C-alpha atoms as a PDB file:
ATOM      1  CA  MET A   1     208.092 106.257 103.814  1.00  0.00           C
ATOM      2  CA  GLY A   2     207.154 108.799 106.460  1.00  0.00           C
ATOM      3  CA  ARG A   3     203.721 107.254 106.880  1.00  0.00           C
ATOM      4  CA  GLN A   4     205.273 103.819 107.300  1.00  0.00           C
ATOM      5  CA  LEU A   5     207.610 105.114 109.993  1.00  0.00           C
ATOM      6  CA  LYS A   6     204.736 106.787 111.807  1.00  0.00           C
ATOM      7  CA  GLY A   7     202.667 103.598 111.580  1.00  0.00           C
ATOM      8  CA  ALA A   8     205.562 101.521 112.887  1.00  0.00           C
ATOM      9  CA  THR A   9     206.084 104.001 115.741  1.00  0.00           C
ATOM     10  CA  ARG A  10     202.424 103.848 116.727  1.00  0.00           C
ATOM     11  CA  GLU A  11     202.531 100.052 116.588  1.00  0.00           C
ATOM     12  CA  MET A  12     205.617  99.953 118.825  1.00  0.00           C
ATOM     13  CA  GLY A  13     203.933 102.333 121.243  1.00  0.00           C
ATOM     14  CA  GLY A  14     200.834 100.146 121.280  1.00  0.00           C
ATOM     15  CA  ASN A  15     202.908  97.025 121.940  1.00  0.00           C
ATOM     16  CA  LYS A  16     204.666  98.741 124.854  1.00  0.00           C
ATOM     17  CA  ALA A  17     201.312  99.718 126.336  1.00  0.00           C
ATOM     18  CA  ILE A  18     200.091  96.123 126.007  1.00  0.00           C
ATOM     19  CA  ASP A  19     203.314  94.829 127.610  1.00  0.00           C
ATOM     20  CA  LYS A  20     202.914  97.202 130.555  1.00  0.00           C
ATOM     21  CA  LYS A  21     199.295  96.159 130.961  1.00  0.00           C
ATOM     22  CA  ASN A  22     200.306  92.491 130.930  1.00  0.00           C
ATOM     23  CA  ILE A  23     203.014  93.141 133.514  1.00  0.00           C
ATOM     24  CA  ARG A  24     200.554  94.916 135.823  1.00  0.00           C
ATOM     25  CA  TRP A  25     198.058  92.077 135.376  1.00  0.00           C
ATOM     26  CA  ARG A  26     200.713  89.465 136.231  1.00  0.00           C
ATOM     27  CA  ILE A  27     201.885  91.390 139.284  1.00  0.00           C
ATOM     28  CA  ARG A  28     198.298  91.684 140.489  1.00  0.00           C
ATOM     29  CA  LYS A  29     197.655  87.978 139.822  1.00  0.00           C
ATOM     30  CA  TYR A  30     200.812  86.814 141.611  1.00  0.00           C
ATOM     31  CA  GLY A  31     200.031  89.138 144.490  1.00  0.00           C
ATOM     32  CA  MET A  32     196.550  87.661 144.874  1.00  0.00           C
ATOM     33  CA  ASP A  33     197.992  84.138 144.561  1.00  0.00           C
ATOM     34  CA  ALA A  34     200.452  84.852 147.362  1.00  0.00           C
ATOM     35  CA  LEU A  35     197.757  86.407 149.560  1.00  0.00           C
ATOM     36  CA  PHE A  36     195.337  83.494 149.150  1.00  0.00           C
ATOM     37  CA  LEU A  37     198.071  80.901 149.657  1.00  0.00           C
ATOM     38  CA  PHE A  38     199.477  82.546 152.782  1.00  0.00           C
ATOM     39  CA  VAL A  39     196.049  83.023 154.359  1.00  0.00           C
ATOM     40  CA  GLY A  40     194.994  79.496 153.401  1.00  0.00           C
ATOM     41  CA  CYS A  41     198.189  77.931 154.735  1.00  0.00           C
ATOM     42  CA  ALA A  42     197.916  79.899 157.979  1.00  0.00           C
ATOM     43  CA  ILE A  43     194.335  78.720 158.525  1.00  0.00           C
ATOM     44  CA  GLY A  44     195.246  75.104 157.690  1.00  0.00           C
ATOM     45  CA  ALA A  45     198.289  75.138 159.968  1.00  0.00           C
ATOM     46  CA  CYS A  46     196.177  76.653 162.753  1.00  0.00           C
ATOM     47  CA  ALA A  47     193.631  73.844 162.323  1.00  0.00           C
ATOM     48  CA  THR A  48     196.354  71.224 162.725  1.00  0.00           C
ATOM     49  CA  MET A  49     198.556  72.725 165.417  1.00  0.00           C
ATOM     50  CA  SER A  50     196.049  74.780 167.409  1.00  0.00           C
ATOM     51  CA  VAL A  51     192.929  72.603 167.170  1.00  0.00           C
ATOM     52  CA  MET A  52     193.576  69.027 166.037  1.00  0.00           C
ATOM     53  CA  ILE A  53     196.728  67.972 167.877  1.00  0.00           C
ATOM     54  CA  PRO A  54     195.969  69.679 171.243  1.00  0.00           C
ATOM     55  CA  ASN A  55     192.642  67.819 171.326  1.00  0.00           C
ATOM     56  CA  GLY A  56     194.130  64.463 170.347  1.00  0.00           C
ATOM     57  CA  LEU A  57     192.327  64.260 167.004  1.00  0.00           C
ATOM     58  CA  THR A  58     193.476  63.057 163.613  1.00  0.00           C
ATOM     59  CA  GLY A  59     192.349  63.130 159.987  1.00  0.00           C
ATOM     60  CA  GLY A  60     192.801  61.565 156.582  1.00  0.00           C
ATOM     61  CA  GLY A  61     195.556  62.012 154.014  1.00  0.00           C
ATOM     62  CA  ILE A  62     199.167  62.586 154.994  1.00  0.00           C
ATOM     63  CA  THR A  63     197.991  64.499 158.063  1.00  0.00           C
ATOM     64  CA  GLY A  64     196.575  61.231 159.395  1.00  0.00           C
ATOM     65  CA  LEU A  65     199.702  59.317 158.389  1.00  0.00           C
ATOM     66  CA  ALA A  66     201.919  61.836 160.141  1.00  0.00           C
ATOM     67  CA  ARG A  67     199.745  61.602 163.282  1.00  0.00           C
ATOM     68  CA  ILE A  68     200.035  57.796 163.293  1.00  0.00           C
ATOM     69  CA  LEU A  69     203.804  57.943 162.817  1.00  0.00           C
ATOM     70  CA  GLN A  70     204.104  60.587 165.535  1.00  0.00           C
ATOM     71  CA  SER A  71     202.407  58.233 167.988  1.00  0.00           C
ATOM     72  CA  ILE A  72     205.189  55.717 167.243  1.00  0.00           C
ATOM     73  CA  PHE A  73     207.984  58.306 167.367  1.00  0.00           C
ATOM     74  CA  PRO A  74     206.743  60.974 169.813  1.00  0.00           C
ATOM     75  CA  ALA A  75     210.139  62.698 169.898  1.00  0.00           C
ATOM     76  CA  VAL A  76     209.805  63.741 166.239  1.00  0.00           C
ATOM     77  CA  ASN A  77     207.863  66.939 165.542  1.00  0.00           C
ATOM     78  CA  PHE A  78     204.685  66.674 163.507  1.00  0.00           C
ATOM     79  CA  SER A  79     205.857  69.336 161.045  1.00  0.00           C
ATOM     80  CA  VAL A  80     209.031  67.351 160.326  1.00  0.00           C
ATOM     81  CA  LEU A  81     207.041  64.182 159.625  1.00  0.00           C
ATOM     82  CA  TYR A  82     204.605  66.057 157.401  1.00  0.00           C
ATOM     83  CA  TYR A  83     207.433  67.710 155.502  1.00  0.00           C
ATOM     84  CA  GLY A  84     209.105  64.314 155.027  1.00  0.00           C
ATOM     85  CA  PHE A  85     205.933  62.816 153.561  1.00  0.00           C
ATOM     86  CA  SER A  86     205.502  65.855 151.283  1.00  0.00           C
ATOM     87  CA  ILE A  87     209.037  65.583 149.904  1.00  0.00           C
ATOM     88  CA  VAL A  88     208.693  61.832 149.275  1.00  0.00           C
ATOM     89  CA  ILE A  89     205.389  62.357 147.453  1.00  0.00           C
ATOM     90  CA  TRP A  90     206.876  65.172 145.358  1.00  0.00           C
ATOM     91  CA  PHE A  91     209.808  63.025 144.231  1.00  0.00           C
ATOM     92  CA  ALA A  92     207.439  60.124 143.496  1.00  0.00           C
ATOM     93  CA  CYS A  93     205.308  62.493 141.421  1.00  0.00           C
ATOM     94  CA  LEU A  94     208.385  63.745 139.580  1.00  0.00           C
ATOM     95  CA  LEU A  95     209.596  60.232 138.746  1.00  0.00           C
ATOM     96  CA  LEU A  96     206.257  58.603 137.938  1.00  0.00           C
ATOM     97  CA  LEU A  97     204.136  61.445 136.535  1.00  0.00           C
ATOM     98  CA  GLY A  98     206.804  63.787 135.194  1.00  0.00           C
ATOM     99  CA  PHE A  99     207.913  67.362 135.836  1.00  0.00           C
ATOM    100  CA  LYS A 100     204.686  68.853 134.505  1.00  0.00           C
ATOM    101  CA  GLU A 101     202.686  67.295 137.356  1.00  0.00           C
ATOM    102  CA  ALA A 102     205.418  67.864 139.950  1.00  0.00           C
ATOM    103  CA  ARG A 103     205.507  71.553 139.084  1.00  0.00           C
ATOM    104  CA  LYS A 104     201.849  71.916 140.104  1.00  0.00           C
ATOM    105  CA  ILE A 105     202.503  70.884 143.718  1.00  0.00           C
ATOM    106  CA  ILE A 106     205.992  72.259 144.378  1.00  0.00           C
ATOM    107  CA  VAL A 107     204.719  75.539 145.845  1.00  0.00           C
ATOM    108  CA  MET A 108     202.493  73.958 148.499  1.00  0.00           C
ATOM    109  CA  THR A 109     205.063  71.211 149.156  1.00  0.00           C
ATOM    110  CA  VAL A 110     207.447  73.911 150.334  1.00  0.00           C
ATOM    111  CA  ILE A 111     205.177  76.578 151.839  1.00  0.00           C
ATOM    112  CA  TYR A 112     202.591  74.629 153.860  1.00  0.00           C
ATOM    113  CA  PRO A 113     205.074  72.649 156.029  1.00  0.00           C
ATOM    114  CA  LEU A 114     206.784  75.951 156.894  1.00  0.00           C
ATOM    115  CA  PHE A 115     203.498  77.262 158.302  1.00  0.00           C
ATOM    116  CA  LEU A 116     203.069  74.017 160.242  1.00  0.00           C
ATOM    117  CA  PHE A 117     206.558  74.479 161.678  1.00  0.00           C
ATOM    118  CA  ALA A 118     205.795  78.083 162.663  1.00  0.00           C
ATOM    119  CA  PHE A 119     202.490  77.285 164.392  1.00  0.00           C
ATOM    120  CA  GLU A 120     204.059  74.274 166.093  1.00  0.00           C
ATOM    121  CA  HIS A 121     206.599  76.529 167.796  1.00  0.00           C
ATOM    122  CA  LEU A 122     204.104  79.311 168.534  1.00  0.00           C
ATOM    123  CA  ASP A 123     202.122  76.745 170.596  1.00  0.00           C
ATOM    124  CA  ILE A 124     198.747  78.504 170.233  1.00  0.00           C
ATOM    125  CA  ARG A 125     195.555  76.873 171.539  1.00  0.00           C
ATOM    126  CA  PHE A 126     192.350  77.801 169.721  1.00  0.00           C
ATOM    127  CA  LEU A 127     190.021  76.349 172.381  1.00  0.00           C
ATOM    128  CA  ASN A 128     190.228  77.319 176.047  1.00  0.00           C
ATOM    129  CA  GLU A 129     189.822  73.714 177.156  1.00  0.00           C
ATOM    130  CA  LYS A 130     189.836  70.281 175.551  1.00  0.00           C
ATOM    131  CA  ASP A 131     186.607  69.640 173.626  1.00  0.00           C
ATOM    132  CA  VAL A 132     186.902  66.957 170.945  1.00  0.00           C
ATOM    133  CA  ILE A 133     183.448  67.548 169.442  1.00  0.00           C
ATOM    134  CA  LEU A 134     183.994  71.276 169.000  1.00  0.00           C
ATOM    135  CA  ALA A 135     187.541  70.622 167.800  1.00  0.00           C
ATOM    136  CA  ALA A 136     186.342  68.129 165.156  1.00  0.00           C
ATOM    137  CA  VAL A 137     183.825  70.649 163.828  1.00  0.00           C
ATOM    138  CA  TYR A 138     186.274  73.552 163.694  1.00  0.00           C
ATOM    139  CA  CYS A 139     188.991  71.392 162.148  1.00  0.00           C
ATOM    140  CA  GLY A 140     186.606  70.646 159.294  1.00  0.00           C
ATOM    141  CA  ILE A 141     185.674  74.312 158.923  1.00  0.00           C
ATOM    142  CA  PHE A 142     189.273  75.554 158.988  1.00  0.00           C
ATOM    143  CA  TYR A 143     190.534  72.855 156.612  1.00  0.00           C
ATOM    144  CA  GLY A 144     187.631  73.551 154.244  1.00  0.00           C
ATOM    145  CA  VAL A 145     188.425  77.273 154.136  1.00  0.00           C
ATOM    146  CA  CYS A 146     192.116  76.448 153.651  1.00  0.00           C
ATOM    147  CA  ASN A 147     191.411  74.072 150.754  1.00  0.00           C
ATOM    148  CA  GLY A 148     188.917  76.461 149.157  1.00  0.00           C
ATOM    149  CA  LEU A 149     191.356  79.375 149.171  1.00  0.00           C
ATOM    150  CA  VAL A 150     194.209  77.281 147.779  1.00  0.00           C
ATOM    151  CA  PHE A 151     192.114  75.492 145.145  1.00  0.00           C
ATOM    152  CA  SER A 152     190.533  78.763 144.005  1.00  0.00           C
ATOM    153  CA  ARG A 153     193.960  79.937 142.800  1.00  0.00           C
ATOM    154  CA  GLY A 154     194.630  76.685 140.926  1.00  0.00           C
ATOM    155  CA  PHE A 155     197.112  75.170 143.405  1.00  0.00           C
ATOM    156  CA  SER A 156     197.202  71.707 144.983  1.00  0.00           C
ATOM    157  CA  PHE A 157     198.645  70.442 148.274  1.00  0.00           C
ATOM    158  CA  GLY A 158     200.255  67.424 146.632  1.00  0.00           C
ATOM    159  CA  GLY A 159     199.267  65.039 149.409  1.00  0.00           C
ATOM    160  CA  ALA A 160     197.039  61.982 149.208  1.00  0.00           C
ATOM    161  CA  ASP A 161     195.410  63.285 146.009  1.00  0.00           C
ATOM    162  CA  THR A 162     198.789  63.072 144.243  1.00  0.00           C
ATOM    163  CA  VAL A 163     199.326  59.539 145.557  1.00  0.00           C
ATOM    164  CA  ALA A 164     195.857  58.619 144.281  1.00  0.00           C
ATOM    165  CA  LYS A 165     196.715  60.071 140.881  1.00  0.00           C
ATOM    166  CA  ILE A 166     199.939  58.020 140.771  1.00  0.00           C
ATOM    167  CA  ILE A 167     198.046  54.835 141.646  1.00  0.00           C
ATOM    168  CA  SER A 168     195.406  55.587 139.033  1.00  0.00           C
ATOM    169  CA  LYS A 169     197.928  56.344 136.292  1.00  0.00           C
ATOM    170  CA  ARG A 170     200.374  53.529 137.005  1.00  0.00           C
ATOM    171  CA  LEU A 171     198.465  50.701 138.668  1.00  0.00           C
ATOM    172  CA  MET A 172     194.698  51.130 138.319  1.00  0.00           C
ATOM    173  CA  PRO A 173     193.914  53.190 135.201  1.00  0.00           C
ATOM    174  CA  HIS A 174     190.345  51.873 135.150  1.00  0.00           C
ATOM    175  CA  VAL A 175     189.590  53.332 138.599  1.00  0.00           C
ATOM    176  CA  GLY A 176     188.914  57.042 139.081  1.00  0.00           C
ATOM    177  CA  VAL A 177     191.208  59.208 141.216  1.00  0.00           C
ATOM    178  CA  SER A 178     188.376  60.288 143.552  1.00  0.00           C
ATOM    179  CA  LYS A 179     187.477  56.661 144.327  1.00  0.00           C
ATOM    180  CA  ILE A 180     191.100  55.768 145.097  1.00  0.00           C
ATOM    181  CA  LEU A 181     191.424  58.874 147.267  1.00  0.00           C
ATOM    182  CA  LEU A 182     188.269  57.945 149.176  1.00  0.00           C
ATOM    183  CA  CYS A 183     189.583  54.427 149.828  1.00  0.00           C
ATOM    184  CA  MET A 184     192.928  55.830 151.005  1.00  0.00           C
ATOM    185  CA  ASP A 185     191.285  58.257 153.426  1.00  0.00           C
ATOM    186  CA  VAL A 186     189.037  55.506 154.791  1.00  0.00           C
ATOM    187  CA  ALA A 187     192.036  53.215 155.272  1.00  0.00           C
ATOM    188  CA  ILE A 188     194.005  55.930 157.100  1.00  0.00           C
ATOM    189  CA  ILE A 189     191.064  56.821 159.338  1.00  0.00           C
ATOM    190  CA  VAL A 190     190.454  53.131 160.161  1.00  0.00           C
ATOM    191  CA  ALA A 191     194.153  52.726 160.992  1.00  0.00           C
ATOM    192  CA  SER A 192     193.890  55.812 163.208  1.00  0.00           C
ATOM    193  CA  GLY A 193     191.057  54.070 165.057  1.00  0.00           C
ATOM    194  CA  PHE A 194     193.412  51.246 166.038  1.00  0.00           C
ATOM    195  CA  VAL A 195     196.086  53.714 167.169  1.00  0.00           C
ATOM    196  CA  PHE A 196     194.051  56.471 168.867  1.00  0.00           C
ATOM    197  CA  GLY A 197     190.759  54.699 169.575  1.00  0.00           C
ATOM    198  CA  ARG A 198     187.455  54.195 167.806  1.00  0.00           C
ATOM    199  CA  ASN A 199     185.957  57.519 168.904  1.00  0.00           C
ATOM    200  CA  ILE A 200     188.851  59.497 167.433  1.00  0.00           C
ATOM    201  CA  ALA A 201     188.308  57.763 164.085  1.00  0.00           C
ATOM    202  CA  LEU A 202     184.609  58.662 164.191  1.00  0.00           C
ATOM    203  CA  TYR A 203     185.475  62.290 164.929  1.00  0.00           C
ATOM    204  CA  ALA A 204     187.849  62.210 161.942  1.00  0.00           C
ATOM    205  CA  ILE A 205     184.922  61.176 159.724  1.00  0.00           C
ATOM    206  CA  ILE A 206     182.939  64.177 160.975  1.00  0.00           C
ATOM    207  CA  THR A 207     185.889  66.440 160.196  1.00  0.00           C
ATOM    208  CA  SER A 208     186.225  64.990 156.683  1.00  0.00           C
ATOM    209  CA  ILE A 209     182.537  65.506 155.881  1.00  0.00           C
ATOM    210  CA  ILE A 210     182.567  69.112 157.094  1.00  0.00           C
ATOM    211  CA  LEU A 211     185.840  69.739 155.237  1.00  0.00           C
ATOM    212  CA  ALA A 212     184.365  68.588 151.917  1.00  0.00           C
ATOM    213  CA  ARG A 213     181.228  70.705 152.278  1.00  0.00           C
ATOM    214  CA  VAL A 214     183.037  73.871 153.397  1.00  0.00           C
ATOM    215  CA  THR A 215     185.541  73.531 150.533  1.00  0.00           C
ATOM    216  CA  ASP A 216     182.660  73.565 148.051  1.00  0.00           C
ATOM    217  CA  TYR A 217     181.045  76.523 149.834  1.00  0.00           C
ATOM    218  CA  VAL A 218     184.245  78.572 149.644  1.00  0.00           C
ATOM    219  CA  LEU A 219     184.716  77.751 145.956  1.00  0.00           C
ATOM    220  CA  TYR A 220     181.174  78.269 144.698  1.00  0.00           C
ATOM    221  CA  GLY A 221     178.981  79.327 147.582  1.00  0.00           C
ATOM    222  CA  PHE A 222     176.061  77.315 148.909  1.00  0.00           C
ATOM    223  CA  GLU A 223     175.366  75.644 145.609  1.00  0.00           C
ATOM    224  CA  THR A 224     175.811  72.338 143.811  1.00  0.00           C
ATOM    225  CA  ARG A 225     178.884  70.151 143.426  1.00  0.00           C
ATOM    226  CA  ILE A 226     178.632  69.971 139.628  1.00  0.00           C
ATOM    227  CA  VAL A 227     179.073  72.954 137.345  1.00  0.00           C
ATOM    228  CA  GLU A 228     178.915  73.506 133.598  1.00  0.00           C
ATOM    229  CA  VAL A 229     181.783  75.636 132.319  1.00  0.00           C
ATOM    230  CA  GLU A 230     181.335  77.411 128.984  1.00  0.00           C
ATOM    231  CA  ILE A 231     184.365  79.068 127.405  1.00  0.00           C
ATOM    232  CA  ILE A 232     184.456  81.305 124.341  1.00  0.00           C
ATOM    233  CA  SER A 233     188.029  81.781 123.193  1.00  0.00           C
ATOM    234  CA  ASP A 234     190.167  81.791 120.065  1.00  0.00           C
ATOM    235  CA  ARG A 235     192.501  79.361 121.870  1.00  0.00           C
ATOM    236  CA  HIS A 236     189.850  76.653 122.017  1.00  0.00           C
ATOM    237  CA  LYS A 237     192.225  73.887 120.844  1.00  0.00           C
ATOM    238  CA  GLU A 238     194.663  74.370 123.724  1.00  0.00           C
ATOM    239  CA  ILE A 239     191.792  74.746 126.195  1.00  0.00           C
ATOM    240  CA  SER A 240     190.124  71.540 125.001  1.00  0.00           C
ATOM    241  CA  ASP A 241     193.420  69.642 125.225  1.00  0.00           C
ATOM    242  CA  TYR A 242     193.970  70.900 128.763  1.00  0.00           C
ATOM    243  CA  ILE A 243     190.498  69.881 129.924  1.00  0.00           C
ATOM    244  CA  MET A 244     190.713  66.423 128.336  1.00  0.00           C
ATOM    245  CA  ASN A 245     194.338  65.597 129.218  1.00  0.00           C
ATOM    246  CA  GLU A 246     194.965  67.473 132.483  1.00  0.00           C
ATOM    247  CA  VAL A 247     191.554  67.787 134.140  1.00  0.00           C
ATOM    248  CA  GLU A 248     190.427  64.554 132.454  1.00  0.00           C
ATOM    249  CA  ARG A 249     186.895  65.684 131.641  1.00  0.00           C
ATOM    250  CA  GLY A 250     184.922  65.370 128.455  1.00  0.00           C
ATOM    251  CA  VAL A 251     184.555  68.375 126.168  1.00  0.00           C
ATOM    252  CA  SER A 252     181.989  69.409 123.579  1.00  0.00           C
ATOM    253  CA  SER A 253     182.119  72.437 121.318  1.00  0.00           C
ATOM    254  CA  SER A 254     179.968  74.376 118.902  1.00  0.00           C
ATOM    255  CA  VAL A 255     180.328  77.372 116.635  1.00  0.00           C
ATOM    256  CA  ILE A 256     178.424  80.459 117.777  1.00  0.00           C
ATOM    257  CA  ARG A 257     177.936  83.867 116.211  1.00  0.00           C
ATOM    258  CA  GLY A 258     177.898  87.240 117.903  1.00  0.00           C
ATOM    259  CA  GLU A 259     175.021  89.205 116.399  1.00  0.00           C
ATOM    260  CA  TYR A 260     176.556  92.600 117.147  1.00  0.00           C
ATOM    261  CA  THR A 261     179.855  91.967 115.351  1.00  0.00           C
ATOM    262  CA  GLY A 262     178.794  89.054 113.166  1.00  0.00           C
ATOM    263  CA  THR A 263     181.954  87.225 114.227  1.00  0.00           C
ATOM    264  CA  GLU A 264     181.865  83.443 114.532  1.00  0.00           C
ATOM    265  CA  ARG A 265     183.763  81.837 117.408  1.00  0.00           C
ATOM    266  CA  ARG A 266     183.914  78.401 119.010  1.00  0.00           C
ATOM    267  CA  LYS A 267     182.337  77.708 122.398  1.00  0.00           C
ATOM    268  CA  THR A 268     183.859  74.942 124.550  1.00  0.00           C
ATOM    269  CA  VAL A 269     181.653  73.261 127.160  1.00  0.00           C
ATOM    270  CA  THR A 270     182.488  70.804 129.957  1.00  0.00           C
ATOM    271  CA  LEU A 271     180.881  69.419 133.123  1.00  0.00           C
ATOM    272  CA  CYS A 272     183.152  69.177 136.162  1.00  0.00           C
ATOM    273  CA  SER A 273     183.480  69.740 139.893  1.00  0.00           C
ATOM    274  CA  PRO A 274     183.804  73.274 141.330  1.00  0.00           C
ATOM    275  CA  ARG A 275     187.506  72.734 142.060  1.00  0.00           C
ATOM    276  CA  GLU A 276     188.154  71.555 138.501  1.00  0.00           C
ATOM    277  CA  GLY A 277     186.219  74.584 137.284  1.00  0.00           C
ATOM    278  CA  MET A 278     188.631  76.821 139.163  1.00  0.00           C
ATOM    279  CA  LEU A 279     191.600  75.008 137.604  1.00  0.00           C
ATOM    280  CA  ILE A 280     190.116  75.528 134.149  1.00  0.00           C
ATOM    281  CA  ARG A 281     189.446  79.205 134.838  1.00  0.00           C
ATOM    282  CA  SER A 282     193.009  79.722 136.049  1.00  0.00           C
ATOM    283  CA  TYR A 283     194.430  78.049 132.941  1.00  0.00           C
ATOM    284  CA  VAL A 284     192.213  80.005 130.544  1.00  0.00           C
ATOM    285  CA  ALA A 285     193.102  83.272 132.292  1.00  0.00           C
ATOM    286  CA  SER A 286     196.819  82.575 131.773  1.00  0.00           C
ATOM    287  CA  LEU A 287     196.240  81.585 128.143  1.00  0.00           C
ATOM    288  CA  ASP A 288     193.708  84.129 126.867  1.00  0.00           C
ATOM    289  CA  ARG A 289     192.735  87.173 128.918  1.00  0.00           C
ATOM    290  CA  ASN A 290     190.084  88.061 126.336  1.00  0.00           C
ATOM    291  CA  ALA A 291     188.225  84.778 126.837  1.00  0.00           C
ATOM    292  CA  LEU A 292     184.651  84.719 128.115  1.00  0.00           C
ATOM    293  CA  ILE A 293     183.915  82.103 130.807  1.00  0.00           C
ATOM    294  CA  THR A 294     180.440  81.252 132.058  1.00  0.00           C
ATOM    295  CA  VAL A 295     179.880  78.922 135.032  1.00  0.00           C
ATOM    296  CA  ILE A 296     176.419  77.399 135.426  1.00  0.00           C
ATOM    297  CA  HIS A 297     175.446  75.525 138.579  1.00  0.00           C
ATOM    298  CA  VAL A 298     173.888  72.143 137.789  1.00  0.00           C
ATOM    299  CA  ASP A 299     171.454  70.419 140.153  1.00  0.00           C
ATOM    300  CA  SER A 300     172.032  66.846 138.952  1.00  0.00           C
ATOM    301  CA  VAL A 301     173.989  65.021 136.273  1.00  0.00           C
ATOM    302  CA  TRP A 302     173.438  61.361 135.391  1.00  0.00           C
ATOM    303  CA  GLY A 303     176.111  59.568 133.417  1.00  0.00           C
ATOM    304  CA  ARG A 304     179.031  57.163 133.411  1.00  0.00           C
ATOM    305  CA  ASP A 305     181.762  59.738 134.004  1.00  0.00           C
ATOM    306  CA  GLU A 306     183.492  59.986 137.357  1.00  0.00           C
ATOM    307  CA  GLY A 307     181.733  62.252 139.832  1.00  0.00           C
ATOM    308  CA  PHE A 308     178.295  61.947 138.206  1.00  0.00           C
ATOM    309  CA  ARG A 309     175.317  59.888 139.365  1.00  0.00           C
ATOM    310  CA  ASP A 310     174.884  56.470 137.831  1.00  0.00           C
ATOM    311  CA  ILE A 311     172.212  56.718 135.157  1.00  0.00           C
ATOM    312  CA  GLU A 312     171.135  53.133 135.856  1.00  0.00           C
ATOM    313  CA  GLY A 313     171.250  53.397 139.629  1.00  0.00           C
ATOM    314  CA  GLU A 314     168.581  56.055 140.138  1.00  0.00           C
END
C-alpha cells in the first residue's frame, strides 16, 4: 500500500512538472506569435500608409479594392474601407466555409486594420520625396517581410486568399485556389489601371512580383518554392487528415524503425509550398511536441497537383 502511494505521489509530481513545462511552452509560443504579428503588421501598415498611398500607388487584393473605392469616396479613410472589406470577408467566410475557417483569420481581421488606422493618423512618409519606382520596390519588400512574418506563425490575413477559397469551394471546385487568386489580383490591378492610369498598374505588377519573392525568402531563405516535409509522430492520423483536408495536399506514409531503440514509427511525407510547410509545422507543434519534422528543399516537381510544373508541358 505504501509503495502504491509513493508511486502515485511521484506520478502526480511528474504530471505537475509536465503541466508547468507545457504552460511555459505555450506562454513562450504565444509571446513569439504576438511579437511576429505586431512587427509584421507594423511593417505592412508602414508599406501602405507611408510608402504606397503618399506616392499614389496601388496593389492587388483588398488593398487595391480599397484604393479604388477611396478614389470614388475620397472623404473616407483608407483604413476604414480596408476594415469594412475585412469584416465583410470574415462574415462571408463564417457563413460559407464555417467557423473553423473563420477562426483562422479573425486575429488578422482585427489587428491589421488597427495598425493601418494608427499609421494613417501618424502621417509618416518613408521617402523624402515622391519616387514611384523606389516606392513600388519598397512596397514589395515591406509587404513580403510582413507576409513572411505572419505566415511563419501560421496566421492568414483573410483577404483575397479567403475570397478565392470561397469561390473554389462553392463555385469552382475544379479550379485551384492559387489560380483563382491570381486571376483576382490581375483583375484588380487592371481595374486600378483604368482608375489611376496604366503606369500605376504596371508599378503594381512590380510590387506583386517582389512581394511574392520576398515572402518566400523570409519563410525559407533564398531557396526553392517547393519543399518536402517529413514528419515522424505518433499522431500521424490527425496530421495526415490535416494535410489532406485543411492544406489540401497529398500525403504518403511509410513505417520506419529507429535502430537505437528498435521502435517502429510512421513517417508522413508531403510536398507543398513554403507557406503551407509553415502551417503544417505550426499544427504539428500544437499537436505533438515530441514530433520530428524535416524540411527538404526541392529544385523541381513535375505533376498534376496545384503548384507543380506540368509533367506534359516541359
